[in-house]
Amino acid sequence: MEEWKTYYFKNAYPKEHLEELGRRLYIKITEVCTAEIESITEEDCINFIINLVINRTYDGYQSEIQTIYGQLQNELGVKIEPAPDEWDRGYNVDFFIKVKEKYIGLQIKPAGYAYIPQIINELEFQKKTHEKFTAKYGGKVFYIISVTEGKKKVIQNPEVIDDIRKEKERLQQE
């Protein structure tokens, strides 16, 4: 370690240069940062949290809508509608497609959702709620996995589109 220190001070920057940087850092922390921290109010913190939560929730909702309406509706050529709140809470269905008097359920998840521990615990529960949806409304529930590519959302599991088409055809024949 001593060899490296000697080499560095001789060939990169002298020790005095690093000491000067340390002094500047100390001034920033003790004077500038302290003044900024002292100017923060409780209201600033409350507004920060509210804006963070509201904006993230809204952005997530807009992301779902962009994925569903921007791509899936065009691919399938059918009207896709937001599920009523009771379907979202009771059956874990975010959107639906009406086929005659039956319904296909759609649930949007971000890419990587299956690896989130909380979601893993919910998957079995969701499977049961999806089975109840199918029993009551006739159509299956499909997961649409949404991922960001560049600035837009795309469907990471495009094979689900064919599965939904097949389910739609099955329901039309009943």
C-alpha atoms as a PDB file:
ATOM      1  CA  MET A   1       0.000   0.000   0.000  1.00  0.00           C
ATOM      2  CA  GLU A   2       2.811   2.431   0.854  1.00  0.00           C
ATOM      3  CA  GLU A   3       4.413   1.796  -2.544  1.00  0.00           C
ATOM      4  CA  TRP A   4       1.169   2.628  -4.300  1.00  0.00           C
ATOM      5  CA  LYS A   5       0.752   5.833  -2.242  1.00  0.00           C
ATOM      6  CA  THR A   6       4.262   6.975  -3.084  1.00  0.00           C
ATOM      7  CA  TYR A   7       3.788   6.159  -6.767  1.00  0.00           C
ATOM      8  CA  TYR A   8       0.419   7.949  -6.898  1.00  0.00           C
ATOM      9  CA  PHE A   9       1.637  11.140  -5.171  1.00  0.00           C
ATOM     10  CA  LYS A  10       4.636  11.249  -7.513  1.00  0.00           C
ATOM     11  CA  ASN A  11       2.952  10.357 -10.835  1.00  0.00           C
ATOM     12  CA  ALA A  12      -0.731  11.317 -10.537  1.00  0.00           C
ATOM     13  CA  TYR A  13      -1.471  14.062  -8.008  1.00  0.00           C
ATOM     14  CA  PRO A  14       0.631  15.365  -5.154  1.00  0.00           C
ATOM     15  CA  LYS A  15      -0.646  14.847  -1.619  1.00  0.00           C
ATOM     16  CA  GLU A  16      -1.254  18.602  -1.294  1.00  0.00           C
ATOM     17  CA  HIS A  17      -3.789  18.470  -4.147  1.00  0.00           C
ATOM     18  CA  LEU A  18      -5.838  15.775  -2.395  1.00  0.00           C
ATOM     19  CA  GLU A  19      -5.636  17.700   0.883  1.00  0.00           C
ATOM     20  CA  GLU A  20      -7.035  20.787  -0.894  1.00  0.00           C
ATOM     21  CA  LEU A  21      -9.922  18.727  -2.283  1.00  0.00           C
ATOM     22  CA  GLY A  22     -10.620  17.485   1.247  1.00  0.00           C
ATOM     23  CA  ARG A  23     -10.715  21.076   2.550  1.00  0.00           C
ATOM     24  CA  ARG A  24     -13.195  22.096  -0.187  1.00  0.00           C
ATOM     25  CA  LEU A  25     -15.371  19.098   0.612  1.00  0.00           C
ATOM     26  CA  TYR A  26     -15.365  20.038   4.295  1.00  0.00           C
ATOM     27  CA  ILE A  27     -16.513  23.591   3.467  1.00  0.00           C
ATOM     28  CA  LYS A  28     -19.284  22.270   1.208  1.00  0.00           C
ATOM     29  CA  ILE A  29     -20.552  19.891   3.872  1.00  0.00           C
ATOM     30  CA  THR A  30     -20.316  22.240   6.845  1.00  0.00           C
ATOM     31  CA  GLU A  31     -21.497  25.431   5.159  1.00  0.00           C
ATOM     32  CA  VAL A  32     -23.386  24.834   1.914  1.00  0.00           C
ATOM     33  CA  CYS A  33     -25.108  21.516   2.689  1.00  0.00           C
ATOM     34  CA  THR A  34     -25.937  22.544   6.248  1.00  0.00           C
ATOM     35  CA  ALA A  35     -27.586  25.754   4.997  1.00  0.00           C
ATOM     36  CA  GLU A  36     -29.600  23.821   2.418  1.00  0.00           C
ATOM     37  CA  ILE A  37     -30.660  21.160   4.923  1.00  0.00           C
ATOM     38  CA  GLU A  38     -31.707  23.800   7.440  1.00  0.00           C
ATOM     39  CA  SER A  39     -33.922  25.464   4.819  1.00  0.00           C
ATOM     40  CA  ILE A  40     -35.988  22.284   4.289  1.00  0.00           C
ATOM     41  CA  THR A  41     -39.392  22.438   5.950  1.00  0.00           C
ATOM     42  CA  GLU A  42     -41.757  19.708   7.066  1.00  0.00           C
ATOM     43  CA  GLU A  43     -44.138  20.884   4.344  1.00  0.00           C
ATOM     44  CA  ASP A  44     -41.387  20.402   1.730  1.00  0.00           C
ATOM     45  CA  CYS A  45     -40.990  16.788   2.844  1.00  0.00           C
ATOM     46  CA  ILE A  46     -44.740  16.136   2.856  1.00  0.00           C
ATOM     47  CA  ASN A  47     -45.121  17.627  -0.641  1.00  0.00           C
ATOM     48  CA  PHE A  48     -42.164  15.591  -1.900  1.00  0.00           C
ATOM     49  CA  ILE A  49     -43.719  12.316  -0.694  1.00  0.00           C
ATOM     50  CA  ILE A  50     -47.186  13.170  -2.029  1.00  0.00           C
ATOM     51  CA  ASN A  51     -45.809  14.151  -5.436  1.00  0.00           C
ATOM     52  CA  LEU A  52     -43.588  11.088  -5.573  1.00  0.00           C
ATOM     53  CA  VAL A  53     -46.428   8.691  -4.788  1.00  0.00           C
ATOM     54  CA  ILE A  54     -49.041  10.385  -6.979  1.00  0.00           C
ATOM     55  CA  ASN A  55     -46.732  10.806  -9.968  1.00  0.00           C
ATOM     56  CA  ARG A  56     -45.408   7.227  -9.766  1.00  0.00           C
ATOM     57  CA  THR A  57     -48.919   5.817  -9.492  1.00  0.00           C
ATOM     58  CA  TYR A  58     -50.140   7.960 -12.379  1.00  0.00           C
ATOM     59  CA  ASP A  59     -47.095   7.066 -14.501  1.00  0.00           C
ATOM     60  CA  GLY A  60     -47.708   3.364 -13.835  1.00  0.00           C
ATOM     61  CA  TYR A  61     -51.355   3.720 -14.796  1.00  0.00           C
ATOM     62  CA  GLN A  62     -50.457   5.620 -17.977  1.00  0.00           C
ATOM     63  CA  SER A  63     -47.895   2.926 -18.777  1.00  0.00           C
ATOM     64  CA  GLU A  64     -50.590   0.248 -18.534  1.00  0.00           C
ATOM     65  CA  ILE A  65     -52.902   2.234 -20.754  1.00  0.00           C
ATOM     66  CA  GLN A  66     -50.161   2.859 -23.312  1.00  0.00           C
ATOM     67  CA  THR A  67     -49.340  -0.856 -23.481  1.00  0.00           C
ATOM     68  CA  ILE A  68     -52.961  -1.968 -23.697  1.00  0.00           C
ATOM     69  CA  TYR A  69     -54.504   0.645 -25.929  1.00  0.00           C
ATOM     70  CA  GLY A  70     -51.395   1.520 -27.878  1.00  0.00           C
ATOM     71  CA  GLN A  71     -50.577  -1.997 -28.969  1.00  0.00           C
ATOM     72  CA  LEU A  72     -52.830  -4.808 -27.857  1.00  0.00           C
ATOM     73  CA  GLN A  73     -56.087  -3.223 -29.010  1.00  0.00           C
ATOM     74  CA  ASN A  74     -54.597  -2.605 -32.477  1.00  0.00           C
ATOM     75  CA  GLU A  75     -53.095  -6.098 -32.689  1.00  0.00           C
ATOM     76  CA  LEU A  76     -56.358  -7.798 -31.749  1.00  0.00           C
ATOM     77  CA  GLY A  77     -58.723  -5.430 -33.532  1.00  0.00           C
ATOM     78  CA  VAL A  78     -61.126  -5.426 -30.591  1.00  0.00           C
ATOM     79  CA  LYS A  79     -62.261  -2.927 -28.012  1.00  0.00           C
ATOM     80  CA  ILE A  80     -60.412  -3.269 -24.732  1.00  0.00           C
ATOM     81  CA  GLU A  81     -61.993  -1.653 -21.703  1.00  0.00           C
ATOM     82  CA  PRO A  82     -60.798  -0.922 -18.164  1.00  0.00           C
ATOM     83  CA  ALA A  83     -62.158  -3.419 -15.677  1.00  0.00           C
ATOM     84  CA  PRO A  84     -64.524  -2.191 -12.987  1.00  0.00           C
ATOM     85  CA  ASP A  85     -62.908  -1.716  -9.594  1.00  0.00           C
ATOM     86  CA  GLU A  86     -64.644  -4.824  -8.211  1.00  0.00           C
ATOM     87  CA  TRP A  87     -63.014  -6.951 -10.942  1.00  0.00           C
ATOM     88  CA  ASP A  88     -59.620  -5.459 -10.193  1.00  0.00           C
ATOM     89  CA  ARG A  89     -59.959  -6.187  -6.471  1.00  0.00           C
ATOM     90  CA  GLY A  90     -61.939  -9.418  -6.721  1.00  0.00           C
ATOM     91  CA  TYR A  91     -60.439 -11.121  -9.762  1.00  0.00           C
ATOM     92  CA  ASN A  92     -57.117  -9.311 -10.352  1.00  0.00           C
ATOM     93  CA  VAL A  93     -58.296  -8.164 -13.765  1.00  0.00           C
ATOM     94  CA  ASP A  94     -57.159  -4.748 -15.066  1.00  0.00           C
ATOM     95  CA  PHE A  95     -58.876  -4.739 -18.476  1.00  0.00           C
ATOM     96  CA  PHE A  96     -61.391  -6.877 -20.352  1.00  0.00           C
ATOM     97  CA  ILE A  97     -62.562  -7.828 -23.819  1.00  0.00           C
ATOM     98  CA  LYS A  98     -66.268  -8.550 -24.266  1.00  0.00           C
ATOM     99  CA  VAL A  99     -67.066 -11.464 -26.581  1.00  0.00           C
ATOM    100  CA  LYS A 100     -70.828 -11.917 -26.973  1.00  0.00           C
ATOM    101  CA  GLU A 101     -71.996 -12.137 -23.345  1.00  0.00           C
ATOM    102  CA  LYS A 102     -68.666 -13.388 -22.004  1.00  0.00           C
ATOM    103  CA  TYR A 103     -65.448 -11.660 -20.998  1.00  0.00           C
ATOM    104  CA  ILE A 104     -61.717 -12.214 -21.380  1.00  0.00           C
ATOM    105  CA  GLY A 105     -59.673 -10.742 -18.536  1.00  0.00           C
ATOM    106  CA  LEU A 106     -56.310  -9.009 -18.918  1.00  0.00           C
ATOM    107  CA  GLN A 107     -53.813  -8.264 -16.194  1.00  0.00           C
ATOM    108  CA  ILE A 108     -50.834  -6.001 -16.870  1.00  0.00           C
ATOM    109  CA  LYS A 109     -47.567  -6.610 -15.041  1.00  0.00           C
ATOM    110  CA  PRO A 110     -44.183  -4.942 -15.397  1.00  0.00           C
ATOM    111  CA  ALA A 111     -41.320  -7.071 -16.683  1.00  0.00           C
ATOM    112  CA  GLY A 112     -39.632  -8.882 -13.832  1.00  0.00           C
ATOM    113  CA  TYR A 113     -42.781  -8.935 -11.686  1.00  0.00           C
ATOM    114  CA  ALA A 114     -42.476 -12.669 -11.074  1.00  0.00           C
ATOM    115  CA  TYR A 115     -39.219 -12.122  -9.247  1.00  0.00           C
ATOM    116  CA  ILE A 116     -40.595  -9.663  -6.729  1.00  0.00           C
ATOM    117  CA  PRO A 117     -41.097 -11.664  -3.494  1.00  0.00           C
ATOM    118  CA  GLN A 118     -44.473 -10.076  -2.733  1.00  0.00           C
ATOM    119  CA  ILE A 119     -45.754 -10.984  -6.193  1.00  0.00           C
ATOM    120  CA  ILE A 120     -44.509 -14.559  -5.909  1.00  0.00           C
ATOM    121  CA  ASN A 121     -46.635 -14.926  -2.785  1.00  0.00           C
ATOM    122  CA  GLU A 122     -49.640 -13.505  -4.618  1.00  0.00           C
ATOM    123  CA  LEU A 123     -49.375 -15.655  -7.753  1.00  0.00           C
ATOM    124  CA  GLU A 124     -51.218 -18.638  -6.265  1.00  0.00           C
ATOM    125  CA  PHE A 125     -53.917 -16.331  -4.918  1.00  0.00           C
ATOM    126  CA  GLN A 126     -54.211 -14.633  -8.306  1.00  0.00           C
ATOM    127  CA  LYS A 127     -54.473 -17.986 -10.058  1.00  0.00           C
ATOM    128  CA  LYS A 128     -57.491 -18.796  -7.886  1.00  0.00           C
ATOM    129  CA  THR A 129     -59.135 -15.432  -8.534  1.00  0.00           C
ATOM    130  CA  HIS A 130     -58.565 -15.892 -12.272  1.00  0.00           C
ATOM    131  CA  GLU A 131     -60.242 -19.301 -12.102  1.00  0.00           C
ATOM    132  CA  LYS A 132     -63.235 -17.670 -10.379  1.00  0.00           C
ATOM    133  CA  PHE A 133     -63.352 -15.040 -13.129  1.00  0.00           C
ATOM    134  CA  THR A 134     -63.369 -17.755 -15.808  1.00  0.00           C
ATOM    135  CA  ALA A 135     -66.096 -19.689 -13.996  1.00  0.00           C
ATOM    136  CA  LYS A 136     -68.294 -16.592 -13.716  1.00  0.00           C
ATOM    137  CA  TYR A 137     -67.579 -14.783 -17.017  1.00  0.00           C
ATOM    138  CA  GLY A 138     -66.527 -17.619 -19.337  1.00  0.00           C
ATOM    139  CA  GLY A 139     -63.171 -16.315 -20.574  1.00  0.00           C
ATOM    140  CA  LYS A 140     -59.657 -16.843 -19.320  1.00  0.00           C
ATOM    141  CA  VAL A 141     -57.442 -14.174 -17.764  1.00  0.00           C
ATOM    142  CA  PHE A 142     -54.141 -13.412 -19.495  1.00  0.00           C
ATOM    143  CA  TYR A 143     -51.027 -11.703 -18.169  1.00  0.00           C
ATOM    144  CA  ILE A 144     -49.589  -8.972 -20.386  1.00  0.00           C
ATOM    145  CA  ILE A 145     -45.966  -8.292 -19.439  1.00  0.00           C
ATOM    146  CA  SER A 146     -45.011  -4.688 -20.097  1.00  0.00           C
ATOM    147  CA  VAL A 147     -41.420  -3.535 -20.593  1.00  0.00           C
ATOM    148  CA  THR A 148     -39.893  -0.183 -21.500  1.00  0.00           C
ATOM    149  CA  GLU A 149     -37.829  -0.074 -24.678  1.00  0.00           C
ATOM    150  CA  GLY A 150     -36.408   3.369 -25.197  1.00  0.00           C
ATOM    151  CA  LYS A 151     -39.234   5.706 -24.299  1.00  0.00           C
ATOM    152  CA  LYS A 152     -42.156   3.432 -25.122  1.00  0.00           C
ATOM    153  CA  LYS A 153     -43.808   0.434 -23.559  1.00  0.00           C
ATOM    154  CA  VAL A 154     -43.919  -2.837 -25.439  1.00  0.00           C
ATOM    155  CA  ILE A 155     -45.439  -6.202 -24.719  1.00  0.00           C
ATOM    156  CA  GLN A 156     -42.617  -8.485 -23.604  1.00  0.00           C
ATOM    157  CA  ASN A 157     -44.670 -11.660 -24.069  1.00  0.00           C
ATOM    158  CA  PRO A 158     -46.168 -11.152 -27.579  1.00  0.00           C
ATOM    159  CA  GLU A 159     -47.139 -14.828 -27.770  1.00  0.00           C
ATOM    160  CA  VAL A 160     -50.026 -13.957 -25.454  1.00  0.00           C
ATOM    161  CA  ILE A 161     -51.671 -12.118 -28.359  1.00  0.00           C
ATOM    162  CA  ASP A 162     -52.246 -15.410 -30.211  1.00  0.00           C
ATOM    163  CA  ASP A 163     -53.535 -17.014 -26.998  1.00  0.00           C
ATOM    164  CA  ILE A 164     -56.046 -14.187 -26.579  1.00  0.00           C
ATOM    165  CA  ARG A 165     -57.110 -14.527 -30.241  1.00  0.00           C
ATOM    166  CA  LYS A 166     -57.723 -18.250 -29.736  1.00  0.00           C
ATOM    167  CA  GLU A 167     -59.741 -17.577 -26.585  1.00  0.00           C
ATOM    168  CA  LYS A 168     -61.786 -14.946 -28.440  1.00  0.00           C
ATOM    169  CA  GLU A 169     -62.498 -17.416 -31.263  1.00  0.00           C
ATOM    170  CA  ARG A 170     -63.459 -20.104 -28.751  1.00  0.00           C
ATOM    171  CA  LEU A 171     -65.934 -17.777 -27.037  1.00  0.00           C
ATOM    172  CA  GLN A 172     -67.411 -16.650 -30.361  1.00  0.00           C
ATOM    173  CA  GLN A 173     -68.170 -20.267 -31.267  1.00  0.00           C
ATOM    174  CA  GLU A 174     -69.987 -21.010 -28.027  1.00  0.00           C
END
